[in-house]
Amino acid sequence: MADIVAEVEAKLAALNARLPDLEGKANKKERTAVNKEIYALENDDAYVAAKKAQLSGARAADAAADDAAHAQKLKDEEAARERAAAEAEAKAAAKAEAEANAPPADDGECHNVVKQLLKGDGTTAPEKGDYVYATYTGVFAAGTEHGGKDYSGSQFDSTWDSKLKKHKPLHFEHFGGKAIRGWDEALKAMTLGEKAEITIGPKWAYRKTGIQDDNGVYIVPPNATLVFQMQLVGVRDKKLQDETIQWKKGS
């Protein structure tokens, strides 16, 4: 059908191109003959049928293209809504996590109870920004419960190396945001070599979130009061010389 349309329309183009040259009385007969031929071609049954089929196919193709474009638009809009919802959910989760982990507003109260067990040198005290070294063993205070489990007196962390039978000090920046506030507050009042029992309330420890492992099991339950046997064994470049301390290489 496409061949018929192309063939007829080529003939029509050629005939219509001749008409301007056939103006005037002298060319009346030839002009009439050309017009009749044009009329006959335009009304040829095969051409008309082919042209209708061609136009119908074009309209169908246009309609299909419009449908496809509309379907793609709907798909893109749905994808955009899903992305927006996912981004909103991620932002909400990040905000909730940040709020949960943000240090609580200072209520002006002290949430530490410090009992000195061993005096320090009395002079070498850490200042904000100093790197300090501390050894410790942490247990839960009596009465610590969560989810029907009694944590009272259970040890949850320590710098003690059971193989070496020595402590490996923890190294961190004083008030650098890497330690719980209870540690920083206690250490700022200690001097090199001093050992203390520090009872830290939840607000200066892990608050209402606690700490969970990768399987969702609580290492430190929410609102837990912690008790540490802690010793300040290093301040800046000064370190306590004690055979029960195992210093890491380069520390």
Protein backbone atom coordinates (compact mmCIF):
# COMPACT_ATOMS: atom_id res chain seq x y z
CA MET A 1 0.00 0.00 0.00
CA ALA A 2 2.84 2.37 0.74
CA ASP A 3 4.15 1.80 -2.82
CA ILE A 4 0.76 2.75 -4.32
CA VAL A 5 0.58 5.95 -2.27
CA ALA A 6 4.11 6.91 -3.15
CA GLU A 7 3.62 6.19 -6.86
CA VAL A 8 0.34 8.13 -7.12
CA GLU A 9 1.58 11.07 -5.13
CA ALA A 10 4.69 11.29 -7.31
CA LYS A 11 2.45 11.47 -10.40
CA LEU A 12 0.22 14.06 -8.74
CA ALA A 13 3.23 16.20 -7.86
CA ALA A 14 4.45 16.08 -11.45
CA LEU A 15 1.01 16.99 -12.88
CA ASN A 16 0.45 19.84 -10.42
CA ALA A 17 3.88 21.18 -11.32
CA ARG A 18 2.77 21.43 -15.00
CA LEU A 19 -0.41 23.45 -14.36
CA PRO A 20 1.25 26.91 -13.95
CA ASP A 21 2.70 26.52 -17.44
CA LEU A 22 -0.69 25.72 -18.96
CA GLU A 23 -2.45 29.00 -18.27
CA GLY A 24 -4.20 30.79 -21.14
CA LYS A 25 -6.60 29.86 -23.90
CA ALA A 26 -3.98 28.21 -26.05
CA ASN A 27 -3.41 25.52 -23.42
CA LYS A 28 -7.00 25.08 -22.31
CA LYS A 29 -7.40 21.61 -23.80
CA GLU A 30 -4.16 20.28 -22.34
CA ARG A 31 -4.90 21.93 -18.99
CA THR A 32 -8.29 20.25 -18.90
CA ALA A 33 -6.70 16.89 -19.65
CA VAL A 34 -4.16 17.35 -16.83
CA ASN A 35 -6.89 18.31 -14.34
CA LYS A 36 -8.92 15.25 -15.33
CA GLU A 37 -5.86 13.03 -14.81
CA ILE A 38 -5.28 14.63 -11.40
CA TYR A 39 -8.92 14.04 -10.48
CA ALA A 40 -8.76 10.43 -11.64
CA LEU A 41 -5.59 9.76 -9.65
CA GLU A 42 -6.96 11.39 -6.49
CA ASN A 43 -10.13 9.32 -6.68
CA ASP A 44 -8.53 6.03 -7.68
CA ASP A 45 -10.03 3.35 -5.42
CA ALA A 46 -6.70 1.66 -4.72
CA TYR A 47 -5.02 4.96 -3.90
CA VAL A 48 -7.88 6.15 -1.68
CA ALA A 49 -7.92 2.85 0.22
CA ALA A 50 -4.14 2.88 0.63
CA LYS A 51 -4.19 6.51 1.77
CA LYS A 52 -6.90 5.79 4.34
CA ALA A 53 -4.93 2.81 5.63
CA GLN A 54 -1.78 4.92 5.82
CA LEU A 55 -3.56 7.69 7.74
CA SER A 56 -5.18 5.16 10.03
CA GLY A 57 -1.80 3.55 10.73
CA ALA A 58 -0.25 6.95 11.43
CA ARG A 59 -3.06 7.82 13.84
CA ALA A 60 -2.66 4.45 15.55
CA ALA A 61 1.10 4.98 15.81
CA ASP A 62 0.55 8.46 17.22
CA ALA A 63 -1.99 7.10 19.70
CA ALA A 64 0.39 4.31 20.71
CA ALA A 65 3.18 6.85 21.12
CA ASP A 66 0.92 9.05 23.24
CA ASP A 67 -0.08 6.06 25.37
CA ALA A 68 3.55 5.06 25.81
CA ALA A 69 4.52 8.61 26.73
CA HIS A 70 1.68 8.81 29.24
CA ALA A 71 2.60 5.44 30.75
CA GLN A 72 6.24 6.55 31.06
CA LYS A 73 5.14 9.82 32.67
CA LEU A 74 3.08 7.91 35.23
CA LYS A 75 6.03 5.57 35.85
CA ASP A 76 8.42 8.51 36.30
CA GLU A 77 5.99 10.25 38.66
CA GLU A 78 5.62 7.08 40.73
CA ALA A 79 9.41 6.65 40.85
CA ALA A 80 9.77 10.28 41.94
CA ARG A 81 7.18 9.75 44.70
CA GLU A 82 8.99 6.62 45.87
CA ARG A 83 12.34 8.46 45.90
CA ALA A 84 10.81 11.35 47.82
CA ALA A 85 9.24 8.95 50.33
CA ALA A 86 12.53 7.05 50.76
CA GLU A 87 14.46 10.31 51.22
CA ALA A 88 11.90 11.55 53.74
CA GLU A 89 12.07 8.25 55.62
CA ALA A 90 15.88 8.33 55.63
CA LYS A 91 15.89 11.93 56.89
CA ALA A 92 13.40 11.07 59.60
CA ALA A 93 15.48 8.06 60.67
CA ALA A 94 18.68 10.13 60.67
CA LYS A 95 16.98 12.86 62.69
CA ALA A 96 15.63 10.33 65.19
CA GLU A 97 19.06 8.72 65.54
CA ALA A 98 20.75 12.11 65.96
CA GLU A 99 18.22 13.12 68.60
CA ALA A 100 18.63 9.80 70.39
CA ASN A 101 22.42 10.04 70.40
CA ALA A 102 22.68 13.78 71.04
CA PRO A 103 24.06 14.70 74.43
CA PRO A 104 21.22 15.75 76.70
CA ALA A 105 20.91 19.36 77.69
CA ASP A 106 22.99 20.11 80.78
CA ASP A 107 20.59 19.97 83.70
CA GLY A 108 23.14 21.50 86.02
CA GLU A 109 23.39 18.33 88.09
CA CYS A 110 26.29 15.95 88.58
CA HIS A 111 25.63 12.38 87.49
CA ASN A 112 28.91 10.96 88.80
CA VAL A 113 29.83 9.57 92.19
CA VAL A 114 33.62 9.28 92.50
CA LYS A 115 35.37 7.36 95.25
CA GLN A 116 39.16 7.62 95.28
CA LEU A 117 40.92 4.28 95.66
CA LEU A 118 44.52 5.34 95.03
CA LYS A 119 46.09 8.80 95.03
CA GLY A 120 47.81 10.15 91.93
CA ASP A 121 50.93 12.29 91.67
CA GLY A 122 48.84 15.35 92.52
CA THR A 123 50.21 17.48 89.67
CA THR A 124 49.77 15.80 86.28
CA ALA A 125 46.11 16.44 85.45
CA PRO A 126 44.55 16.30 81.97
CA GLU A 127 43.22 19.41 80.31
CA LYS A 128 40.62 19.60 77.58
CA GLY A 129 42.13 18.34 74.31
CA ASP A 130 44.93 16.35 75.98
CA TYR A 131 45.33 12.70 75.05
CA VAL A 132 44.89 10.46 78.06
CA TYR A 133 45.38 6.77 78.80
CA ALA A 134 43.08 4.89 81.16
CA THR A 135 42.63 1.34 82.32
CA TYR A 136 39.27 0.20 83.59
CA THR A 137 36.76 -2.52 84.30
CA GLY A 138 33.08 -1.69 83.94
CA VAL A 139 30.15 -3.44 85.62
CA PHE A 140 26.46 -2.67 85.97
CA ALA A 141 25.19 -1.11 89.17
CA ALA A 142 22.99 -3.15 91.46
CA GLY A 143 19.35 -3.09 90.38
CA THR A 144 20.08 -2.76 86.67
CA GLU A 145 17.32 -4.60 84.82
CA HIS A 146 15.86 -4.57 81.32
CA GLY A 147 13.48 -6.85 79.44
CA GLY A 148 13.20 -9.18 82.39
CA LYS A 149 16.99 -9.62 82.63
CA ASP A 150 18.97 -8.69 85.73
CA TYR A 151 22.33 -7.13 84.80
CA SER A 152 23.37 -6.28 88.37
CA GLY A 153 27.13 -6.62 88.89
CA SER A 154 27.75 -8.09 85.44
CA GLN A 155 30.94 -6.96 83.72
CA PHE A 156 30.37 -5.46 80.26
CA ASP A 157 33.80 -4.09 79.35
CA SER A 158 37.42 -4.00 80.47
CA THR A 159 40.93 -3.16 79.30
CA TRP A 160 42.22 -6.32 81.01
CA ASP A 161 43.95 -8.78 78.65
CA SER A 162 43.37 -12.22 80.16
CA LYS A 163 46.15 -13.82 78.09
CA LEU A 164 48.82 -11.29 79.03
CA LYS A 165 47.42 -10.81 82.54
CA LYS A 166 47.84 -7.07 82.02
CA HIS A 167 45.74 -4.06 81.19
CA LYS A 168 45.97 -2.46 77.73
CA PRO A 169 45.13 1.22 78.30
CA LEU A 170 42.45 2.94 76.28
CA HIS A 171 43.82 6.02 74.50
CA PHE A 172 41.52 8.96 73.66
CA GLU A 173 41.24 12.74 73.57
CA HIS A 174 39.96 14.25 76.80
CA PHE A 175 36.57 15.90 76.08
CA GLY A 176 37.07 15.00 72.43
CA GLY A 177 33.68 13.35 72.09
CA LYS A 178 35.00 9.77 72.03
CA ALA A 179 34.27 8.90 75.65
CA ILE A 180 31.07 9.11 77.68
CA ARG A 181 30.73 12.35 79.60
CA GLY A 182 31.03 10.59 82.93
CA TRP A 183 34.59 9.56 82.08
CA ASP A 184 35.64 13.03 80.96
CA GLU A 185 34.09 14.63 84.03
CA ALA A 186 35.82 12.17 86.36
CA LEU A 187 39.22 12.30 84.66
CA LYS A 188 39.44 16.10 84.72
CA ALA A 189 39.64 15.89 88.52
CA MET A 190 42.22 13.05 88.57
CA THR A 191 46.01 13.12 88.35
CA LEU A 192 48.47 10.63 86.88
CA GLY A 193 48.35 7.28 88.66
CA GLU A 194 45.10 7.98 90.47
CA LYS A 195 42.62 5.14 90.69
CA ALA A 196 38.93 5.62 91.45
CA GLU A 197 35.60 3.89 91.54
CA ILE A 198 33.26 5.95 89.37
CA THR A 199 29.51 5.41 89.43
CA ILE A 200 27.98 7.07 86.36
CA GLY A 201 24.27 7.73 85.98
CA PRO A 202 22.52 7.16 82.62
CA LYS A 203 22.55 10.86 81.63
CA TRP A 204 26.35 10.87 81.60
CA ALA A 205 26.61 7.34 80.20
CA TYR A 206 24.52 5.74 77.42
CA ARG A 207 21.20 7.32 78.34
CA LYS A 208 17.91 5.80 77.17
CA THR A 209 19.37 4.23 74.02
CA GLY A 210 21.98 1.93 75.56
CA ILE A 211 24.32 -0.03 73.25
CA GLN A 212 23.36 -2.99 71.07
CA ASP A 213 25.48 -5.46 69.12
CA ASP A 214 24.94 -6.29 65.44
CA ASN A 215 22.22 -8.77 66.40
CA GLY A 216 20.25 -6.26 68.41
CA VAL A 217 21.30 -7.73 71.77
CA TYR A 218 21.95 -5.12 74.44
CA ILE A 219 25.55 -4.79 75.59
CA VAL A 220 24.47 -1.91 77.78
CA PRO A 221 20.71 -1.74 78.38
CA PRO A 222 18.79 1.56 78.32
CA ASN A 223 19.02 3.84 81.37
CA ALA A 224 21.82 1.79 82.92
CA THR A 225 23.95 3.08 85.79
CA LEU A 226 27.56 2.01 85.30
CA VAL A 227 30.34 1.42 87.82
CA PHE A 228 33.99 1.65 86.70
CA GLN A 229 37.21 0.81 88.46
CA MET A 230 39.37 3.26 86.51
CA GLN A 231 42.98 4.39 86.69
CA LEU A 232 44.53 7.34 84.86
CA VAL A 233 47.82 5.85 83.62
CA GLY A 234 48.89 8.41 81.01
CA VAL A 235 48.49 12.14 80.39
CA ARG A 236 49.99 13.67 77.24
CA ASP A 237 53.55 12.22 77.03
CA LYS A 238 53.70 11.11 80.67
CA LYS A 239 52.89 7.50 81.47
CA LEU A 240 52.63 5.52 84.64
CA GLN A 241 55.43 2.98 84.97
CA ASP A 242 53.62 -0.10 86.17
CA GLU A 243 54.37 -3.73 85.35
CA THR A 244 50.64 -4.51 85.28
CA ILE A 245 50.14 -2.23 82.25
CA GLN A 246 50.72 -3.47 78.71
CA TRP A 247 51.41 -0.47 76.47
CA LYS A 248 50.53 -0.87 72.82
CA LYS A 249 53.38 -0.40 70.41
CA GLY A 250 53.61 3.24 69.37
CA SER A 251 51.17 4.43 72.04
